PDB file of N, CA and C in Angstrom:
ATOM      1  N   MET A   1     -11.376  -4.988  13.485  1.00  0.00           N
ATOM      2  CA  MET A   1     -12.523  -4.065  13.064  1.00  0.00           C
ATOM      3  C   MET A   1     -13.066  -3.374  14.044  1.00  0.00           C
ATOM      4  N   ALA A   2     -12.861  -3.284  15.156  1.00  0.00           N
ATOM      5  CA  ALA A   2     -13.464  -2.461  15.966  1.00  0.00           C
ATOM      6  C   ALA A   2     -12.666  -1.251  15.875  1.00  0.00           C
ATOM      7  N   ALA A   3     -11.357  -1.450  15.566  1.00  0.00           N
ATOM      8  CA  ALA A   3     -10.662  -0.037  15.630  1.00  0.00           C
ATOM      9  C   ALA A   3     -10.503   1.014  14.433  1.00  0.00           C
ATOM     10  N   PHE A   4     -11.262   0.148  13.255  1.00  0.00           N
ATOM     11  CA  PHE A   4     -11.123   0.689  11.868  1.00  0.00           C
ATOM     12  C   PHE A   4     -12.670   0.270  11.379  1.00  0.00           C
ATOM     13  N   PRO A   5     -13.724   0.316  11.538  1.00  0.00           N
ATOM     14  CA  PRO A   5     -14.770  -0.261  11.364  1.00  0.00           C
ATOM     15  C   PRO A   5     -15.085  -0.041   9.458  1.00  0.00           C
ATOM     16  N   TYR A   6     -14.636   1.333   9.021  1.00  0.00           N
ATOM     17  CA  TYR A   6     -14.753   1.623   8.115  1.00  0.00           C
ATOM     18  C   TYR A   6     -14.148   1.133   6.801  1.00  0.00           C
ATOM     19  N   ARG A   7     -13.448   0.283   6.858  1.00  0.00           N
ATOM     20  CA  ARG A   7     -12.287  -0.484   5.931  1.00  0.00           C
ATOM     21  C   ARG A   7     -13.513  -1.065   4.647  1.00  0.00           C
ATOM     22  N   GLY A   8     -13.135  -1.313   3.810  1.00  0.00           N
ATOM     23  CA  GLY A   8     -13.499  -2.133   2.985  1.00  0.00           C
ATOM     24  C   GLY A   8     -14.628  -1.602   1.971  1.00  0.00           C
ATOM     25  N   SER A   9     -15.283  -2.307   1.289  1.00  0.00           N
ATOM     26  CA  SER A   9     -16.144  -1.680   0.260  1.00  0.00           C
ATOM     27  C   SER A   9     -17.543  -1.874   0.613  1.00  0.00           C
ATOM     28  N   ILE A  10     -18.101  -0.559   0.555  1.00  0.00           N
ATOM     29  CA  ILE A  10     -19.452  -0.380   1.000  1.00  0.00           C
ATOM     30  C   ILE A  10     -20.337  -1.400  -0.389  1.00  0.00           C
ATOM     31  N   ARG A  11     -21.457  -2.285  -0.044  1.00  0.00           N
ATOM     32  CA  ARG A  11     -22.166  -2.691  -0.826  1.00  0.00           C
ATOM     33  C   ARG A  11     -23.507  -2.195  -0.932  1.00  0.00           C
ATOM     34  N   ALA A  12     -23.914  -1.215  -1.994  1.00  0.00           N
ATOM     35  CA  ALA A  12     -25.340  -0.839  -1.848  1.00  0.00           C
ATOM     36  C   ALA A  12     -26.369  -2.010  -2.302  1.00  0.00           C
ATOM     37  N   ASP A  13     -25.908  -3.005  -2.913  1.00  0.00           N
ATOM     38  CA  ASP A  13     -26.919  -4.238  -3.111  1.00  0.00           C
ATOM     39  C   ASP A  13     -27.334  -5.226  -1.994  1.00  0.00           C
ATOM     40  N   PHE A  14     -26.542  -4.511  -0.427  1.00  0.00           N
ATOM     41  CA  PHE A  14     -27.195  -5.130   0.847  1.00  0.00           C
ATOM     42  C   PHE A  14     -27.483  -4.106   1.690  1.00  0.00           C
ATOM     43  N   PRO A  15     -28.274  -4.335   2.730  1.00  0.00           N
ATOM     44  CA  PRO A  15     -28.841  -3.304   3.440  1.00  0.00           C
ATOM     45  C   PRO A  15     -27.890  -3.284   4.392  1.00  0.00           C
ATOM     46  N   ASP A  16     -28.071  -2.045   5.540  1.00  0.00           N
ATOM     47  CA  ASP A  16     -27.371  -1.864   6.725  1.00  0.00           C
ATOM     48  C   ASP A  16     -25.966  -1.305   6.671  1.00  0.00           C
ATOM     49  N   ASN A  17     -25.567  -0.658   5.994  1.00  0.00           N
ATOM     50  CA  ASN A  17     -24.164  -0.350   5.963  1.00  0.00           C
ATOM     51  C   ASN A  17     -23.220  -1.356   5.530  1.00  0.00           C
ATOM     52  N   PHE A  18     -23.588  -2.324   5.006  1.00  0.00           N
ATOM     53  CA  PHE A  18     -22.823  -3.668   4.331  1.00  0.00           C
ATOM     54  C   PHE A  18     -21.363  -3.365   3.838  1.00  0.00           C
ATOM     55  N   ARG A  19     -20.641  -4.026   4.582  1.00  0.00           N
ATOM     56  CA  ARG A  19     -18.847  -3.882   3.647  1.00  0.00           C
ATOM     57  C   ARG A  19     -18.365  -4.992   3.582  1.00  0.00           C
ATOM     58  N   VAL A  20     -17.453  -4.975   2.752  1.00  0.00           N
ATOM     59  CA  VAL A  20     -16.567  -6.304   2.327  1.00  0.00           C
ATOM     60  C   VAL A  20     -15.365  -5.943   2.532  1.00  0.00           C
ATOM     61  N   VAL A  21     -14.635  -6.503   3.433  1.00  0.00           N
ATOM     62  CA  VAL A  21     -13.457  -6.707   3.534  1.00  0.00           C
ATOM     63  C   VAL A  21     -12.539  -7.596   3.081  1.00  0.00           C
ATOM     64  N   PRO A  22     -11.679  -7.429   1.960  1.00  0.00           N
ATOM     65  CA  PRO A  22     -10.729  -8.534   1.682  1.00  0.00           C
ATOM     66  C   PRO A  22      -9.582  -8.826   3.149  1.00  0.00           C
ATOM     67  N   ALA A  23      -9.573 -10.235   3.384  1.00  0.00           N
ATOM     68  CA  ALA A  23      -8.488 -10.472   4.201  1.00  0.00           C
ATOM     69  C   ALA A  23      -7.686 -11.517   3.486  1.00  0.00           C
ATOM     70  N   ALA A  24      -6.489 -11.417   4.045  1.00  0.00           N
ATOM     71  CA  ALA A  24      -5.368 -12.679   3.240  1.00  0.00           C
ATOM     72  C   ALA A  24      -5.360 -12.385   1.897  1.00  0.00           C
ATOM     73  N   GLU A  25      -4.875 -13.268   1.026  1.00  0.00           N
ATOM     74  CA  GLU A  25      -5.211 -13.803  -0.501  1.00  0.00           C
ATOM     75  C   GLU A  25      -6.317 -14.026  -0.885  1.00  0.00           C
ATOM     76  N   LYS A  26      -7.217 -14.925  -0.111  1.00  0.00           N
ATOM     77  CA  LYS A  26      -8.211 -15.433  -0.781  1.00  0.00           C
ATOM     78  C   LYS A  26      -9.234 -15.327  -0.043  1.00  0.00           C
ATOM     79  N   ALA A  27      -9.501 -14.477   1.028  1.00  0.00           N
ATOM     80  CA  ALA A  27     -10.499 -14.306   1.916  1.00  0.00           C
ATOM     81  C   ALA A  27     -11.257 -13.150   2.086  1.00  0.00           C
ATOM     82  N   VAL A  28     -12.621 -12.939   2.448  1.00  0.00           N
ATOM     83  CA  VAL A  28     -13.393 -11.946   2.285  1.00  0.00           C
ATOM     84  C   VAL A  28     -14.089 -11.809   3.819  1.00  0.00           C
ATOM     85  N   ILE A  29     -13.926 -11.016   4.623  1.00  0.00           N
ATOM     86  CA  ILE A  29     -14.980 -10.850   6.002  1.00  0.00           C
ATOM     87  C   ILE A  29     -16.202  -9.565   5.310  1.00  0.00           C
ATOM     88  N   CYS A  30     -17.572 -10.187   5.869  1.00  0.00           N
ATOM     89  CA  CYS A  30     -18.696  -9.231   5.656  1.00  0.00           C
ATOM     90  C   CYS A  30     -18.940  -9.118   6.875  1.00  0.00           C
ATOM     91  N   ILE A  31     -18.980  -7.566   6.771  1.00  0.00           N
ATOM     92  CA  ILE A  31     -19.826  -6.789   8.190  1.00  0.00           C
ATOM     93  C   ILE A  31     -21.010  -5.836   7.853  1.00  0.00           C
ATOM     94  N   THR A  32     -21.540  -5.600   9.108  1.00  0.00           N
ATOM     95  CA  THR A  32     -22.042  -4.578   8.993  1.00  0.00           C
ATOM     96  C   THR A  32     -21.635  -3.731  10.276  1.00  0.00           C
ATOM     97  N   VAL A  33     -22.056  -2.308   9.829  1.00  0.00           N
ATOM     98  CA  VAL A  33     -21.584  -1.303  10.962  1.00  0.00           C
ATOM     99  C   VAL A  33     -22.557  -0.367  11.534  1.00  0.00           C
ATOM    100  N   HIS A  34     -22.966  -0.453  12.690  1.00  0.00           N
ATOM    101  CA  HIS A  34     -24.127   0.024  13.548  1.00  0.00           C
ATOM    102  C   HIS A  34     -23.443   1.366  14.503  1.00  0.00           C
ATOM    103  N   GLU A  35     -23.354   2.484  13.783  1.00  0.00           N
ATOM    104  CA  GLU A  35     -23.193   3.612  14.336  1.00  0.00           C
ATOM    105  C   GLU A  35     -23.805   3.789  15.711  1.00  0.00           C
ATOM    106  N   ASP A  36     -24.929   3.849  15.686  1.00  0.00           N
ATOM    107  CA  ASP A  36     -25.797   4.120  16.911  1.00  0.00           C
ATOM    108  C   ASP A  36     -25.539   3.578  18.268  1.00  0.00           C
ATOM    109  N   ILE A  37     -25.026   2.083  18.085  1.00  0.00           N
ATOM    110  CA  ILE A  37     -24.577   1.231  19.294  1.00  0.00           C
ATOM    111  C   ILE A  37     -22.813   1.127  19.022  1.00  0.00           C
ATOM    112  N   LYS A  38     -22.386   1.638  18.098  1.00  0.00           N
ATOM    113  CA  LYS A  38     -20.916   1.427  17.969  1.00  0.00           C
ATOM    114  C   LYS A  38     -20.737  -0.003  18.018  1.00  0.00           C
ATOM    115  N   THR A  39     -21.131  -0.677  17.385  1.00  0.00           N
ATOM    116  CA  THR A  39     -21.245  -2.020  16.760  1.00  0.00           C
ATOM    117  C   THR A  39     -20.691  -2.397  15.295  1.00  0.00           C
ATOM    118  N   VAL A  40     -19.842  -3.266  15.405  1.00  0.00           N
ATOM    119  CA  VAL A  40     -19.427  -4.178  14.268  1.00  0.00           C
ATOM    120  C   VAL A  40     -19.945  -5.322  14.103  1.00  0.00           C
ATOM    121  N   VAL A  41     -20.680  -5.929  13.561  1.00  0.00           N
ATOM    122  CA  VAL A  41     -21.152  -7.236  13.631  1.00  0.00           C
ATOM    123  C   VAL A  41     -20.425  -8.171  12.028  1.00  0.00           C
ATOM    124  N   VAL A  42     -20.129  -9.058  12.438  1.00  0.00           N
ATOM    125  CA  VAL A  42     -19.383 -10.072  11.309  1.00  0.00           C
ATOM    126  C   VAL A  42     -20.620 -11.047  10.848  1.00  0.00           C
ATOM    127  N   ARG A  43     -20.371 -10.778   9.317  1.00  0.00           N
ATOM    128  CA  ARG A  43     -22.052 -11.312   9.022  1.00  0.00           C
ATOM    129  C   ARG A  43     -21.682 -12.700   8.277  1.00  0.00           C
ATOM    130  N   HIS A  44     -20.219 -12.568   7.900  1.00  0.00           N
ATOM    131  CA  HIS A  44     -20.040 -13.860   6.861  1.00  0.00           C
ATOM    132  C   HIS A  44     -18.192 -14.039   6.583  1.00  0.00           C
ATOM    133  N   VAL A  45     -17.753 -14.823   6.816  1.00  0.00           N
ATOM    134  CA  VAL A  45     -15.986 -15.062   6.536  1.00  0.00           C
ATOM    135  C   VAL A  45     -16.156 -16.150   5.450  1.00  0.00           C
ATOM    136  N   GLY A  46     -15.796 -15.517   4.276  1.00  0.00           N
ATOM    137  CA  GLY A  46     -15.441 -16.771   3.416  1.00  0.00           C
ATOM    138  C   GLY A  46     -14.153 -16.913   2.677  1.00  0.00           C
ATOM    139  N   TYR A  47     -13.820 -17.980   1.916  1.00  0.00           N
ATOM    140  CA  TYR A  47     -12.596 -18.528   2.005  1.00  0.00           C
ATOM    141  C   TYR A  47     -12.355 -19.166   0.295  1.00  0.00           C
ATOM    142  N   ALA A  48     -11.486 -18.606  -0.218  1.00  0.00           N
ATOM    143  CA  ALA A  48     -11.446 -19.278  -1.488  1.00  0.00           C
ATOM    144  C   ALA A  48     -12.338 -19.426  -2.664  1.00  0.00           C
ATOM    145  N   GLY A  49     -12.928 -18.411  -3.014  1.00  0.00           N
ATOM    146  CA  GLY A  49     -14.004 -18.833  -4.007  1.00  0.00           C
ATOM    147  C   GLY A  49     -15.754 -18.957  -3.675  1.00  0.00           C
ATOM    148  N   SER A  50     -15.499 -18.978  -2.203  1.00  0.00           N
ATOM    149  CA  SER A  50     -17.106 -19.642  -1.495  1.00  0.00           C
ATOM    150  C   SER A  50     -17.790 -18.471  -2.032  1.00  0.00           C
ATOM    151  N   ASP A  51     -19.212 -18.662  -2.260  1.00  0.00           N
ATOM    152  CA  ASP A  51     -20.606 -17.834  -2.878  1.00  0.00           C
ATOM    153  C   ASP A  51     -20.699 -17.251  -1.802  1.00  0.00           C
ATOM    154  N   TRP A  52     -20.056 -15.955  -1.025  1.00  0.00           N
ATOM    155  CA  TRP A  52     -20.335 -15.354  -0.148  1.00  0.00           C
ATOM    156  C   TRP A  52     -21.893 -14.510  -0.326  1.00  0.00           C
ATOM    157  N   MET A  53     -22.069 -14.118  -1.450  1.00  0.00           N
ATOM    158  CA  MET A  53     -23.429 -13.324  -1.646  1.00  0.00           C
ATOM    159  C   MET A  53     -24.343 -14.077  -1.124  1.00  0.00           C
ATOM    160  N   VAL A  54     -24.438 -15.331  -1.664  1.00  0.00           N
ATOM    161  CA  VAL A  54     -25.769 -16.626  -1.474  1.00  0.00           C
ATOM    162  C   VAL A  54     -25.624 -16.496  -0.002  1.00  0.00           C
ATOM    163  N   SER A  55     -24.561 -16.699   0.495  1.00  0.00           N
ATOM    164  CA  SER A  55     -24.625 -17.202   2.094  1.00  0.00           C
ATOM    165  C   SER A  55     -25.353 -15.896   2.960  1.00  0.00           C
ATOM    166  N   VAL A  56     -25.029 -14.828   2.479  1.00  0.00           N
ATOM    167  CA  VAL A  56     -25.062 -13.506   3.384  1.00  0.00           C
ATOM    168  C   VAL A  56     -26.544 -13.184   2.809  1.00  0.00           C
ATOM    169  N   GLN A  57     -27.053 -13.195   1.709  1.00  0.00           N
ATOM    170  CA  GLN A  57     -28.437 -13.011   1.546  1.00  0.00           C
ATOM    171  C   GLN A  57     -29.612 -13.958   2.227  1.00  0.00           C
ATOM    172  N   GLY A  58     -28.919 -15.003   2.298  1.00  0.00           N
ATOM    173  CA  GLY A  58     -29.997 -16.105   3.279  1.00  0.00           C
ATOM    174  C   GLY A  58     -29.710 -15.271   4.679  1.00  0.00           C
ATOM    175  N   ARG A  59     -28.672 -14.863   5.116  1.00  0.00           N
ATOM    176  CA  ARG A  59     -28.607 -14.678   6.828  1.00  0.00           C
ATOM    177  C   ARG A  59     -29.651 -13.274   6.752  1.00  0.00           C
ATOM    178  N   LEU A  60     -29.578 -12.207   5.759  1.00  0.00           N
ATOM    179  CA  LEU A  60     -30.348 -10.859   6.125  1.00  0.00           C
ATOM    180  C   LEU A  60     -31.707 -10.897   5.889  1.00  0.00           C
ATOM    181  N   THR A  61     -32.428 -11.955   5.533  1.00  0.00           N
ATOM    182  CA  THR A  61     -33.687 -11.906   5.161  1.00  0.00           C
ATOM    183  C   THR A  61     -34.389 -13.096   6.298  1.00  0.00           C
TER     184      THR A  61
END
């Protein structure tokens, strides 16, 4: 993640430069990129149809 922090799709419906990166065939990694402190924060790792959007929304509020 640190080498390529801008991979994945930007999600405008979430705050803080939120991105979703597909991993393997059935997984998704949700991250935020903080340019000012050069940090990538992993917000959630979901697998096989888990409702990652609900989980992430709960963590961001």
